Protein backbone atom coordinates (compact mmCIF):
# COMPACT_ATOMS: atom_id res chain seq x y z
CA UNK A 1 0.00 0.00 0.00
CA UNK A 2 2.85 2.38 0.85
CA UNK A 3 4.59 1.57 -2.45
CA UNK A 4 1.35 2.06 -4.39
CA UNK A 5 0.76 5.45 -2.75
CA UNK A 6 4.34 6.49 -3.49
CA UNK A 7 4.04 5.55 -7.16
CA UNK A 8 0.71 7.36 -7.45
CA UNK A 9 2.26 10.48 -5.93
CA UNK A 10 5.26 10.33 -8.27
CA UNK A 11 3.02 9.78 -11.29
CA UNK A 12 1.01 12.88 -10.39
CA UNK A 13 4.22 14.90 -10.22
CA UNK A 14 5.41 13.44 -13.52
CA UNK A 15 2.12 14.30 -15.18
CA UNK A 16 2.40 17.89 -14.02
CA UNK A 17 6.01 18.17 -15.16
CA UNK A 18 5.43 16.79 -18.62
CA UNK A 19 2.51 19.12 -19.29
CA UNK A 20 3.15 22.52 -20.90
CA UNK A 21 6.90 22.33 -20.47
CA UNK A 22 8.78 25.58 -21.06
CA UNK A 23 11.18 25.96 -23.94
CA UNK A 24 14.72 25.14 -22.85
CA UNK A 25 16.88 28.28 -23.08
CA UNK A 26 19.97 28.05 -25.30
CA UNK A 27 23.49 27.84 -23.96
CA UNK A 28 24.70 31.13 -22.63
CA UNK A 29 21.22 32.29 -21.62
CA UNK A 30 21.21 34.38 -18.45
CA UNK A 31 18.69 32.17 -16.70
CA UNK A 32 20.38 28.95 -15.49
CA UNK A 33 18.67 25.63 -16.02
CA UNK A 34 17.47 23.67 -13.00
CA UNK A 35 19.85 20.80 -12.35
CA UNK A 36 19.42 17.20 -13.45
CA UNK A 37 21.36 14.33 -11.89
CA UNK A 38 21.95 10.89 -13.39
CA UNK A 39 23.20 7.94 -11.38
CA UNK A 40 24.67 5.15 -13.44
CA UNK A 41 25.36 2.16 -11.26
CA UNK A 42 26.59 -1.35 -10.82
CA UNK A 43 24.06 -3.76 -9.38
CA UNK A 44 24.39 -3.75 -5.62
CA UNK A 45 26.09 -0.34 -5.49
CA UNK A 46 23.17 1.10 -3.52
CA UNK A 47 22.00 3.66 -6.08
CA UNK A 48 18.41 3.81 -4.84
CA UNK A 49 19.54 4.44 -1.26
CA UNK A 50 21.94 7.13 -2.43
CA UNK A 51 19.20 8.72 -4.55
CA UNK A 52 16.80 8.91 -1.59
CA UNK A 53 19.48 10.39 0.66
CA UNK A 54 20.47 12.85 -2.06
CA UNK A 55 16.90 13.99 -2.58
CA UNK A 56 16.64 14.88 1.10
CA UNK A 57 19.89 16.83 1.01
CA UNK A 58 18.95 18.79 -2.11
CA UNK A 59 15.59 19.79 -0.70
CA UNK A 60 17.17 21.19 2.47
CA UNK A 61 18.09 24.33 0.53
CA UNK A 62 15.34 26.99 0.71
CA UNK A 63 13.27 27.06 -2.46
CA UNK A 64 14.72 23.78 -3.69
CA UNK A 65 11.73 21.53 -3.04
CA UNK A 66 10.15 19.48 -5.79
CA UNK A 67 12.91 16.99 -6.61
CA UNK A 68 11.81 13.55 -7.77
CA UNK A 69 13.52 10.20 -8.38
CA UNK A 70 13.01 8.42 -11.70
CA UNK A 71 14.06 4.75 -11.67
CA UNK A 72 12.82 1.53 -13.26
CA UNK A 73 10.05 1.19 -10.67
CA UNK A 74 8.63 4.60 -11.55
CA UNK A 75 9.11 3.93 -15.27
CA UNK A 76 7.23 0.64 -14.92
CA UNK A 77 4.44 2.42 -13.06
CA UNK A 78 4.16 5.07 -15.79
CA UNK A 79 4.10 2.55 -18.63
CA UNK A 80 1.91 0.13 -16.72
CA UNK A 81 -0.96 2.55 -17.01
CA UNK A 82 -1.08 2.23 -20.78
CA UNK A 83 0.54 -1.11 -21.56
CA UNK A 84 -0.45 -4.72 -20.81
CA UNK A 85 0.58 -6.35 -17.53
CA UNK A 86 0.86 -5.10 -13.98
CA UNK A 87 3.59 -2.85 -12.59
CA UNK A 88 5.65 -5.71 -11.20
CA UNK A 89 5.65 -7.53 -14.54
CA UNK A 90 6.43 -4.31 -16.40
CA UNK A 91 9.30 -3.51 -14.05
CA UNK A 92 10.85 -6.91 -14.65
CA UNK A 93 10.45 -6.49 -18.41
CA UNK A 94 11.90 -3.00 -18.34
CA UNK A 95 14.94 -3.93 -16.28
CA UNK A 96 17.97 -3.41 -18.51
CA UNK A 97 18.17 -6.10 -21.19
CA UNK A 98 16.09 -8.62 -19.26
CA UNK A 99 15.08 -10.18 -22.55
CA UNK A 100 17.18 -11.11 -25.55
CA UNK A 101 16.05 -10.52 -29.11
CA UNK A 102 14.43 -13.95 -29.43
CA UNK A 103 12.53 -13.63 -26.14
CA UNK A 104 11.36 -10.16 -27.13
CA UNK A 105 10.18 -11.48 -30.50
CA UNK A 106 8.16 -14.27 -28.87
CA UNK A 107 6.65 -11.87 -26.34
CA UNK A 108 5.57 -9.51 -29.07
CA UNK A 109 4.35 -12.31 -31.36
CA UNK A 110 2.02 -13.79 -28.75
CA UNK A 111 0.99 -10.47 -27.23
CA UNK A 112 2.70 -11.14 -23.91
CA UNK A 113 4.63 -7.88 -24.01
CA UNK A 114 4.69 -4.71 -26.09
CA UNK A 115 7.65 -4.34 -28.47
CA UNK A 116 10.80 -3.76 -26.42
CA UNK A 117 11.79 -0.93 -28.76
CA UNK A 118 8.49 0.82 -27.97
CA UNK A 119 9.21 0.61 -24.24
CA UNK A 120 12.70 1.96 -24.77
CA UNK A 121 11.41 4.89 -26.84
CA UNK A 122 8.71 5.74 -24.29
CA UNK A 123 11.21 5.65 -21.45
CA UNK A 124 13.69 7.78 -23.37
CA UNK A 125 10.96 10.29 -24.22
CA UNK A 126 9.97 10.53 -20.55
CA UNK A 127 13.60 11.12 -19.55
CA UNK A 128 14.02 13.84 -22.19
CA UNK A 129 10.87 15.69 -21.14
CA UNK A 130 11.65 15.49 -17.44
CA UNK A 131 15.22 16.65 -18.04
CA UNK A 132 13.86 19.77 -19.73
CA UNK A 133 12.04 20.66 -16.54
CA UNK A 134 14.87 19.75 -14.19
CA UNK A 135 15.16 18.72 -10.54
CA UNK A 136 15.14 15.02 -11.33
CA UNK A 137 17.44 12.28 -10.08
CA UNK A 138 17.57 9.57 -12.74
CA UNK A 139 18.69 6.12 -11.61
CA UNK A 140 19.86 3.94 -14.50
CA UNK A 141 17.70 3.68 -17.64
CA UNK A 142 20.61 4.95 -19.75
CA UNK A 143 19.76 8.46 -18.57
CA UNK A 144 23.40 9.55 -18.66
CA UNK A 145 23.44 8.96 -22.41
CA UNK A 146 19.93 10.36 -23.00
CA UNK A 147 20.53 13.60 -21.10
CA UNK A 148 24.09 14.03 -22.36
CA UNK A 149 25.81 17.40 -22.07
CA UNK A 150 22.70 19.40 -21.26
CA UNK A 151 23.63 22.51 -19.25
CA UNK A 152 22.93 21.85 -15.59
CA UNK A 153 23.24 18.06 -15.96
CA UNK A 154 25.48 16.13 -13.58
CA UNK A 155 26.45 12.51 -14.18
CA UNK A 156 27.78 10.10 -11.57
CA UNK A 157 28.73 6.44 -11.60
CA UNK A 158 28.27 4.33 -8.44
CA UNK A 159 30.43 1.25 -8.03
CA UNK A 160 31.53 -1.11 -5.26
CA UNK A 161 33.72 -4.15 -4.87
CA UNK A 162 32.16 -7.51 -5.75
CA UNK A 163 32.10 -8.79 -2.18
CA UNK A 164 30.14 -5.76 -0.96
CA UNK A 165 27.73 -5.97 -3.86
CA UNK A 166 27.14 -9.70 -3.34
CA UNK A 167 26.42 -9.13 0.34
CA UNK A 168 23.94 -6.34 -0.35
CA UNK A 169 22.11 -8.35 -3.01
CA UNK A 170 22.00 -11.42 -0.78
CA UNK A 171 20.47 -9.39 2.06
CA UNK A 172 18.02 -7.48 -0.13
CA UNK A 173 16.76 -10.44 -2.17
CA UNK A 174 17.33 -13.12 0.50
CA UNK A 175 19.77 -15.05 -1.69
CA UNK A 176 22.40 -17.61 -0.84
CA UNK A 177 26.05 -16.91 -1.76
CA UNK A 178 25.93 -18.82 -5.07
CA UNK A 179 22.65 -17.26 -6.15
CA UNK A 180 23.90 -13.79 -5.24
CA UNK A 181 27.03 -14.36 -7.32
CA UNK A 182 24.99 -15.57 -10.31
CA UNK A 183 22.59 -12.64 -9.98
CA UNK A 184 25.47 -10.17 -9.85
CA UNK A 185 27.10 -11.52 -12.98
CA UNK A 186 23.81 -11.63 -14.85
CA UNK A 187 22.88 -8.04 -13.98
CA UNK A 188 26.34 -6.71 -14.88
CA UNK A 189 26.09 -8.41 -18.26
CA UNK A 190 22.53 -7.22 -18.86
CA UNK A 191 23.30 -3.60 -18.09
CA UNK A 192 26.42 -3.59 -20.22
CA UNK A 193 24.44 -5.13 -23.10
CA UNK A 194 21.67 -2.53 -22.68
CA UNK A 195 24.08 0.39 -22.99
CA UNK A 196 25.86 -1.18 -25.93
CA UNK A 197 22.64 -2.07 -27.74
CA UNK A 198 20.87 1.27 -27.44
CA UNK A 199 23.68 3.79 -27.00
CA UNK A 200 26.87 2.08 -28.20
CA UNK A 201 28.27 2.94 -24.77
CA UNK A 202 30.50 1.09 -22.35
CA UNK A 203 29.75 1.42 -18.59
CA UNK A 204 33.47 1.05 -17.91
CA UNK A 205 34.13 4.31 -19.80
CA UNK A 206 34.35 6.97 -17.09
CA UNK A 207 34.52 9.94 -19.48
CA UNK A 208 30.78 10.83 -19.31
CA UNK A 209 30.79 11.16 -15.51
CA UNK A 210 31.59 14.06 -13.25
CA UNK A 211 32.76 11.53 -10.67
CA UNK A 212 32.85 7.80 -9.96
CA UNK A 213 32.01 6.99 -6.33
CA UNK A 214 32.87 3.74 -4.58
CA UNK A 215 30.01 2.94 -2.20
CA UNK A 216 32.03 0.05 -0.82
CA UNK A 217 34.28 2.65 0.76
CA UNK A 218 31.75 5.46 1.26
CA UNK A 219 28.56 5.38 3.29
CA UNK A 220 25.28 6.20 1.59
CA UNK A 221 25.29 9.58 3.32
CA UNK A 222 28.86 10.36 2.26
CA UNK A 223 28.16 9.52 -1.38
CA UNK A 224 25.00 11.65 -1.36
CA UNK A 225 26.82 14.57 0.28
CA UNK A 226 29.60 14.45 -2.31
CA UNK A 227 27.10 14.55 -5.17
CA UNK A 228 25.10 17.33 -3.54
CA UNK A 229 28.31 19.31 -3.04
CA UNK A 230 29.18 19.12 -6.74
CA UNK A 231 25.68 20.15 -7.78
CA UNK A 232 25.42 23.02 -5.30
CA UNK A 233 28.87 24.30 -6.14
CA UNK A 234 28.27 24.62 -9.87
CA UNK A 235 27.90 28.22 -11.04
CA UNK A 236 25.19 27.50 -13.61
CA UNK A 237 22.83 25.88 -11.10
CA UNK A 238 20.11 27.75 -9.28
């Protein structure tokens, strides 16, 4: 019930933000763009926890309320309102590269799922529109590549050592050591394939990011504070 209420609240905010969006001012305009943050992450790096902590920090500044988090759960909730299947099923289908080309073909052929390309395009469109408005923390979804070098955009990569990631996944999903290891390897492969397939990008390439943070060495709070410090310290940000 709490999750459902949260998703309903986020969807209302998303609906308001994607309606009558203002024209984005060109580079060099006197009015700075509201910031946008993308968090690329390894599985088990704690990106959702960092995003929640970061949202709280950013909204501490007077007049800075209204930040939202956009992750696969919110994306699934948005698309679930117009596409077949419930939110849980849609979230699983949306998760980076969960299906290969043959599985996607069968799902589309028998009406089990909408075309995977359609879901990708809808998600990308939502990211683009929300980025125009600003004050969004994107978690995954290839948002770093979609948003790109937009003024006021800040890109971060969250990583951790394998042992830390395995432990977190085992605790979160109640997995044994072998299952956690298999899950970790599968998710790393899926996310790398997703970026390569749709953006011809490599997650190991650190060039797109303002910083790469190791959450195996940093606490959730420390990682969030470092990101907030970069965003607040930028001259072009309100």
